[in-house]
Protein backbone atom coordinates (compact mmCIF):
# COMPACT_ATOMS: atom_id res chain seq x y z
CA MET A 1 3.16 19.69 6.28
CA ILE A 2 5.35 16.65 5.85
CA ARG A 3 8.80 17.38 4.45
CA LEU A 4 8.33 15.32 1.29
CA PHE A 5 4.95 16.83 0.58
CA ALA A 6 6.39 20.31 0.92
CA LEU A 7 9.16 19.47 -1.52
CA VAL A 8 6.93 17.71 -4.01
CA PHE A 9 4.24 20.36 -3.92
CA SER A 10 6.72 23.22 -4.30
CA ALA A 11 8.16 21.49 -7.36
CA PHE A 12 4.69 21.14 -8.85
CA ALA A 13 3.84 24.75 -8.09
CA ALA A 14 7.06 26.01 -9.64
CA SER A 15 6.26 24.16 -12.84
CA GLY A 16 2.69 25.46 -12.88
CA ALA A 17 1.41 21.89 -12.89
CA PHE A 18 -1.35 22.42 -10.34
CA ALA A 19 -4.79 23.24 -11.62
CA GLY A 20 -7.36 25.14 -9.58
CA PRO A 21 -9.33 23.63 -6.69
CA ILE A 22 -11.61 20.71 -7.51
CA GLU A 23 -15.27 21.50 -6.91
CA HIS A 24 -17.09 18.60 -8.52
CA ASP A 25 -20.55 17.36 -7.62
CA ALA A 26 -19.91 14.57 -5.08
CA ALA A 27 -23.28 13.03 -5.91
CA LYS A 28 -21.83 11.94 -9.25
CA LEU A 29 -19.20 9.78 -7.54
CA ARG A 30 -20.99 6.61 -6.52
CA LEU A 31 -18.60 4.17 -4.86
CA MET A 32 -19.17 0.58 -3.76
CA SER A 33 -16.60 0.80 -0.93
CA ALA A 34 -18.22 1.19 2.50
CA ASN A 35 -15.72 3.85 3.57
CA ALA A 36 -13.93 6.26 1.27
CA LEU A 37 -11.98 9.48 1.31
CA VAL A 38 -10.41 11.53 -1.47
CA ILE A 39 -8.11 14.37 -0.45
CA ASP A 40 -6.53 17.05 -2.57
CA ALA A 41 -3.05 16.65 -1.11
CA GLN A 42 -2.04 20.08 -2.37
CA ASP A 43 -4.14 21.82 0.29
CA GLY A 44 -5.33 18.93 2.46
CA HIS A 45 -8.96 19.54 1.48
CA ALA A 46 -11.32 16.54 1.32
CA ILE A 47 -13.17 16.59 -1.98
CA TYR A 48 -15.12 13.40 -1.28
CA SER A 49 -15.95 11.62 1.96
CA LYS A 50 -18.05 8.58 2.79
CA ALA A 51 -18.21 7.27 6.38
CA ALA A 52 -14.62 8.50 6.76
CA ASP A 53 -14.71 8.48 10.58
CA GLU A 54 -16.10 4.96 10.96
CA VAL A 55 -13.65 2.61 12.71
CA THR A 56 -13.08 -0.55 10.68
CA PRO A 57 -10.47 -3.32 10.30
CA ILE A 58 -7.72 -2.35 7.85
CA ALA A 59 -5.96 -5.64 6.98
CA SER A 60 -2.58 -5.21 5.24
CA LEU A 61 -2.84 -1.44 5.04
CA THR A 62 -1.17 -2.02 8.41
CA LYS A 63 2.10 -2.69 6.63
CA LEU A 64 2.59 1.00 5.82
CA MET A 65 2.93 1.62 9.56
CA THR A 66 5.11 -1.48 9.88
CA ALA A 67 7.43 -0.04 7.24
CA MET A 68 7.63 3.36 8.93
CA VAL A 69 8.55 1.84 12.30
CA ILE A 70 11.25 -0.25 10.59
CA MET A 71 12.64 2.80 8.82
CA ASP A 72 12.60 4.87 12.01
CA ALA A 73 14.55 2.18 13.89
CA LYS A 74 17.45 2.49 11.41
CA GLN A 75 18.51 -1.14 11.84
CA PRO A 76 21.12 -2.37 9.32
CA PRO A 77 19.32 -3.04 6.01
CA ASN A 78 21.70 -5.87 5.09
CA ASP A 79 21.17 -7.91 8.26
CA VAL A 80 19.84 -11.35 7.33
CA LEU A 81 16.47 -12.33 8.81
CA SER A 82 15.13 -15.90 8.82
CA VAL A 83 11.52 -17.03 8.72
CA GLU A 84 10.56 -18.99 11.84
CA LEU A 85 7.42 -20.77 13.00
CA ALA A 86 6.44 -17.62 14.88
CA ASP A 87 5.98 -15.92 11.49
CA PHE A 88 3.43 -18.47 10.25
CA ASP A 89 -0.19 -17.37 10.03
CA TYR A 90 -2.17 -19.55 12.42
CA LEU A 91 -5.04 -17.04 12.52
CA LYS A 92 -6.14 -16.93 8.87
CA GLY A 93 -4.02 -19.69 7.36
CA SER A 94 -2.79 -17.40 4.60
CA HIS A 95 -0.29 -18.73 2.08
CA SER A 96 3.34 -17.67 1.80
CA ARG A 97 6.17 -18.82 -0.44
CA LEU A 98 8.76 -17.89 2.18
CA ARG A 99 9.20 -21.28 3.79
CA LEU A 100 10.49 -22.13 7.25
CA GLY A 101 14.17 -21.15 7.43
CA ALA A 102 14.04 -18.90 4.37
CA ALA A 103 16.48 -16.02 4.86
CA LEU A 104 16.57 -12.58 3.26
CA THR A 105 18.06 -9.24 4.19
CA ARG A 106 15.96 -6.79 6.18
CA ASP A 107 15.77 -4.59 3.09
CA GLU A 108 14.37 -7.42 0.96
CA MET A 109 11.86 -8.37 3.65
CA LEU A 110 10.68 -4.76 3.73
CA ARG A 111 10.35 -4.66 -0.06
CA LEU A 112 8.24 -7.84 -0.15
CA ALA A 113 6.04 -6.69 2.74
CA LEU A 114 5.19 -3.47 0.91
CA MET A 115 5.10 -4.61 -2.71
CA ALA A 116 3.68 -8.14 -2.44
CA SER A 117 2.08 -7.78 1.02
CA GLU A 118 4.18 -10.72 2.26
CA ASN A 119 2.92 -11.55 5.76
CA ARG A 120 5.86 -13.66 6.90
CA ALA A 121 8.23 -10.91 5.79
CA ALA A 122 6.33 -8.34 7.87
CA SER A 123 6.26 -10.69 10.86
CA ALA A 124 10.01 -11.36 10.65
CA LEU A 125 10.72 -7.63 10.48
CA ALA A 126 8.81 -7.10 13.72
CA ARG A 127 10.34 -10.11 15.46
CA TYR A 128 13.88 -8.85 14.79
CA TYR A 129 13.02 -5.41 16.19
CA PRO A 130 14.68 -4.51 19.53
CA GLY A 131 12.43 -6.05 22.18
CA GLY A 132 10.67 -8.29 19.67
CA THR A 133 7.15 -8.20 18.27
CA LEU A 134 5.44 -6.84 21.39
CA ALA A 135 7.80 -3.86 21.48
CA PHE A 136 7.30 -3.39 17.75
CA VAL A 137 3.50 -3.24 18.01
CA ALA A 138 3.83 -0.77 20.88
CA ALA A 139 6.01 1.39 18.65
CA MET A 140 3.37 1.19 15.90
CA ASN A 141 0.71 2.52 18.25
CA GLU A 142 3.02 5.23 19.56
CA LYS A 143 3.74 6.32 15.99
CA ALA A 144 0.03 6.40 15.19
CA GLN A 145 -0.65 8.64 18.16
CA SER A 146 2.21 10.96 17.19
CA LEU A 147 0.60 11.37 13.75
CA GLY A 148 -2.79 12.25 15.24
CA MET A 149 -4.33 8.91 14.26
CA THR A 150 -6.60 8.95 17.30
CA ASN A 151 -9.04 6.30 16.04
CA THR A 152 -6.35 3.78 15.11
CA HIS A 153 -5.09 0.72 16.97
CA TYR A 154 -2.56 -1.90 15.89
CA ASP A 155 -2.55 -5.46 17.24
CA ASP A 156 0.01 -7.08 14.93
CA PRO A 157 2.50 -6.02 12.21
CA THR A 158 0.87 -7.88 9.30
CA GLY A 159 -2.77 -6.81 9.37
CA LEU A 160 -4.02 -10.38 9.67
CA SER A 161 -5.61 -9.52 13.00
CA PRO A 162 -9.06 -7.89 12.70
CA LYS A 163 -8.09 -5.91 15.82
CA ASN A 164 -5.97 -3.68 13.58
CA VAL A 165 -8.48 -0.88 13.06
CA SER A 166 -8.56 2.67 11.76
CA THR A 167 -10.68 5.17 9.85
CA ALA A 168 -10.39 6.59 6.35
CA ASN A 169 -9.41 9.95 7.84
CA ASP A 170 -6.64 8.40 9.94
CA LEU A 171 -5.40 6.38 6.99
CA ALA A 172 -5.10 9.53 4.91
CA ARG A 173 -2.74 10.80 7.62
CA LEU A 174 -0.84 7.52 7.37
CA VAL A 175 -0.43 7.84 3.61
CA ARG A 176 0.84 11.39 3.86
CA ALA A 177 3.32 10.39 6.57
CA ALA A 178 4.52 7.29 4.68
CA ALA A 179 5.15 9.44 1.60
CA ASP A 180 7.98 11.08 3.53
CA TYR A 181 10.00 7.85 3.20
CA PRO A 182 11.57 7.41 -0.26
CA LEU A 183 12.02 3.64 0.14
CA ILE A 184 8.36 3.17 1.07
CA ARG A 185 7.34 5.04 -2.07
CA GLU A 186 9.79 3.04 -4.19
CA TYR A 187 9.05 -0.41 -2.77
CA SER A 188 5.26 -0.03 -2.61
CA THR A 189 5.08 0.92 -6.30
CA ALA A 190 7.57 -1.57 -7.78
CA PRO A 191 5.71 -3.72 -10.35
CA ALA A 192 7.71 -6.88 -9.61
CA HIS A 193 10.87 -8.09 -7.90
CA TYR A 194 13.09 -11.17 -7.66
CA VAL A 195 14.74 -12.42 -4.49
CA GLU A 196 17.32 -15.15 -4.01
CA VAL A 197 16.35 -17.00 -0.86
CA GLN A 198 19.06 -18.38 1.37
CA PRO A 199 20.27 -20.96 2.23
CA THR A 200 18.80 -22.80 -0.78
CA GLY A 201 19.70 -20.24 -3.46
CA GLN A 202 16.15 -20.51 -4.83
CA THR A 203 15.07 -17.47 -6.83
CA LEU A 204 11.46 -16.36 -6.47
CA GLY A 205 9.57 -13.70 -8.37
CA PHE A 206 6.94 -11.55 -6.67
CA ASN A 207 4.34 -9.20 -8.16
CA ASN A 208 2.78 -6.05 -6.80
CA SER A 209 -0.53 -6.73 -5.06
CA ASN A 210 -2.09 -3.66 -6.73
CA ALA A 211 -3.08 -4.28 -10.37
CA LEU A 212 -3.18 -0.53 -11.06
CA ILE A 213 0.61 -0.29 -10.72
CA LYS A 214 0.93 -1.88 -14.17
CA ASN A 215 -1.76 0.31 -15.73
CA SER A 216 -0.16 3.08 -17.79
CA ALA A 217 -3.13 5.39 -17.19
CA TRP A 218 -2.18 5.70 -13.53
CA ASP A 219 0.67 7.69 -11.95
CA ILE A 220 0.94 6.22 -8.45
CA GLN A 221 3.61 7.45 -6.02
CA LEU A 222 2.64 5.25 -3.05
CA GLN A 223 0.11 2.51 -2.47
CA LYS A 224 -0.90 -0.40 -0.27
CA THR A 225 -3.62 -2.99 -0.60
CA GLY A 226 -5.24 -5.13 2.05
CA TYR A 227 -7.70 -7.96 2.52
CA ILE A 228 -9.09 -10.09 5.29
CA ARG A 229 -12.72 -11.16 5.56
CA GLU A 230 -13.50 -8.70 8.34
CA ALA A 231 -12.00 -5.74 6.46
CA GLY A 232 -13.11 -6.50 2.92
CA ARG A 233 -10.79 -5.39 0.12
CA CYS A 234 -9.00 -2.13 0.79
CA VAL A 235 -6.52 0.16 -0.92
CA VAL A 236 -4.81 3.46 -0.16
CA MET A 237 -2.89 5.48 -2.73
CA LEU A 238 -1.07 8.71 -3.35
CA ALA A 239 -1.48 9.35 -7.08
CA THR A 240 -1.24 12.25 -9.49
CA ILE A 241 -4.60 12.78 -11.19
CA ALA A 242 -5.42 15.78 -13.39
CA SER A 243 -1.98 17.21 -12.54
CA LYS A 244 -2.77 17.17 -8.82
CA PRO A 245 -1.49 14.87 -6.05
CA MET A 246 -4.47 13.03 -4.57
CA VAL A 247 -4.77 10.76 -1.53
CA ILE A 248 -7.35 8.02 -2.10
CA VAL A 249 -8.62 5.73 0.66
CA LEU A 250 -11.06 2.91 -0.19
CA LEU A 251 -12.12 0.50 2.56
CA ASP A 252 -14.36 -2.55 2.81
CA SER A 253 -14.98 -3.17 -0.88
CA VAL A 254 -16.98 -6.31 -1.54
CA GLY A 255 -15.82 -8.40 -4.51
CA LYS A 256 -12.39 -9.05 -5.94
CA PHE A 257 -12.33 -6.11 -8.35
CA THR A 258 -14.54 -3.56 -6.58
CA ARG A 259 -11.71 -1.53 -5.05
CA VAL A 260 -10.04 -1.27 -8.46
CA ALA A 261 -13.31 -0.23 -10.10
CA ASP A 262 -13.89 2.32 -7.35
CA ALA A 263 -10.40 3.73 -7.85
CA GLN A 264 -11.16 4.10 -11.54
CA ARG A 265 -14.43 5.84 -10.69
CA VAL A 266 -12.53 8.29 -8.50
CA LYS A 267 -9.96 9.00 -11.21
CA HIS A 268 -12.60 9.59 -13.88
CA TRP A 269 -14.63 11.84 -11.58
CA ILE A 270 -11.60 13.97 -10.69
CA GLU A 271 -10.64 14.32 -14.34
CA THR A 272 -14.10 15.01 -15.75
CA GLY A 273 -16.51 15.72 -12.90
CA GLU A 274 -18.77 13.00 -14.29
CA SER A 275 -19.75 9.45 -13.35
CA LEU A 276 -17.80 6.67 -15.03
CA PRO A 277 -19.90 4.55 -17.43
CA ALA A 278 -20.07 0.89 -16.45
CA THR A 279 -18.63 -0.14 -19.82
CA ALA A 280 -15.38 1.66 -19.00
CA PHE A 281 -14.36 -0.86 -16.31
CA ARG A 282 -13.17 -3.55 -18.73
CA ALA A 283 -9.80 -1.94 -19.42
CA VAL A 284 -8.96 -1.14 -15.79
CA LEU A 285 -6.97 -4.30 -15.12
CA LYS A 286 -5.23 -4.51 -18.49
CA PRO A 287 -1.54 -3.80 -17.87
CA SER A 288 0.45 -1.41 -19.98
CA PRO A 289 2.67 -3.02 -22.67
CA LYS A 290 5.55 -1.33 -20.88
CA ALA A 291 4.72 -2.89 -17.53
CA ALA A 292 7.18 -5.35 -16.06
CA ALA A 293 6.74 -8.95 -17.07
CA LYS A 294 5.18 -11.26 -14.52
CA PRO A 295 7.99 -12.93 -12.59
CA ALA A 296 8.27 -16.66 -12.93
CA ARG A 297 9.00 -18.98 -10.04
CA ILE A 298 12.40 -20.35 -10.93
CA GLN A 299 15.22 -22.26 -9.29
CA GLY A 300 18.88 -21.36 -9.06
CA LYS A 301 20.48 -18.07 -9.96
CA PHE A 302 18.72 -15.01 -11.30
CA VAL A 303 17.46 -15.37 -14.86
CA PRO A 304 15.78 -12.38 -16.52
CA VAL A 305 12.31 -12.93 -17.92
CA LYS A 306 11.63 -11.49 -21.34
CA ALA A 307 8.49 -9.49 -21.80
CA THR A 308 5.85 -11.06 -24.02
CA ARG A 309 3.72 -9.22 -26.51
């Protein structure tokens, strides 16, 4: 058992927070995602599985492994990394607001890669690794093997390559391993963050790529989203549902909001044992009034943004 999980679970057990084992009718959980897995992280038991051993592209879920390799390397977090042409996405042509020459600390690059799924940030992190990007990707695959992720292969640090593949079962291992890193938990679940980009001094605001982070009905300890055409829309989460820590893996969801709706279906099923009525989906994306305000793109020094009602 991972160190963090042992600590977290013992704390829950001491408080009597854990309920009994979940034994719901899996037939009542009808998900649109092609591959899915729900694990009771208390005992490691899978309470729902759908094509969980099928190998499929995983898009930016890759960045959880990227973050772990960065953390393991223990490079100085305050070193300044600059975006270069090598960090541009010539494969998918994805957009980034980190322009050529933009410089941030390694810590800020890591935060943006996890929270906002910033591809150029993830690429820069790998490029500044000892031995460069090729050595970094090799370290990603070595880490995967050490975790028992036998059906996983990494081809790049961003997830833009469709050659980054895994299974729902392997990704559950990834989530449980990533939860052992406090900064990965913190950065992946931050609702929003500002960075001051050097050398221009421009201040940019970034939002979490997972809409559920700002939903007060959810208690998420770790998450990562992903999307490329070959992978569909994906999400992995460690969340407390019905007083139990649950690992949720949803892969290859078709449609912009399907993975969110599927996550809501999972939550409702765990809590009630019943299917979620279609009419209940409307409130899923509505953020809590207490959620962080959406950052504005602003110039100059940091200026706080007031929450609107």
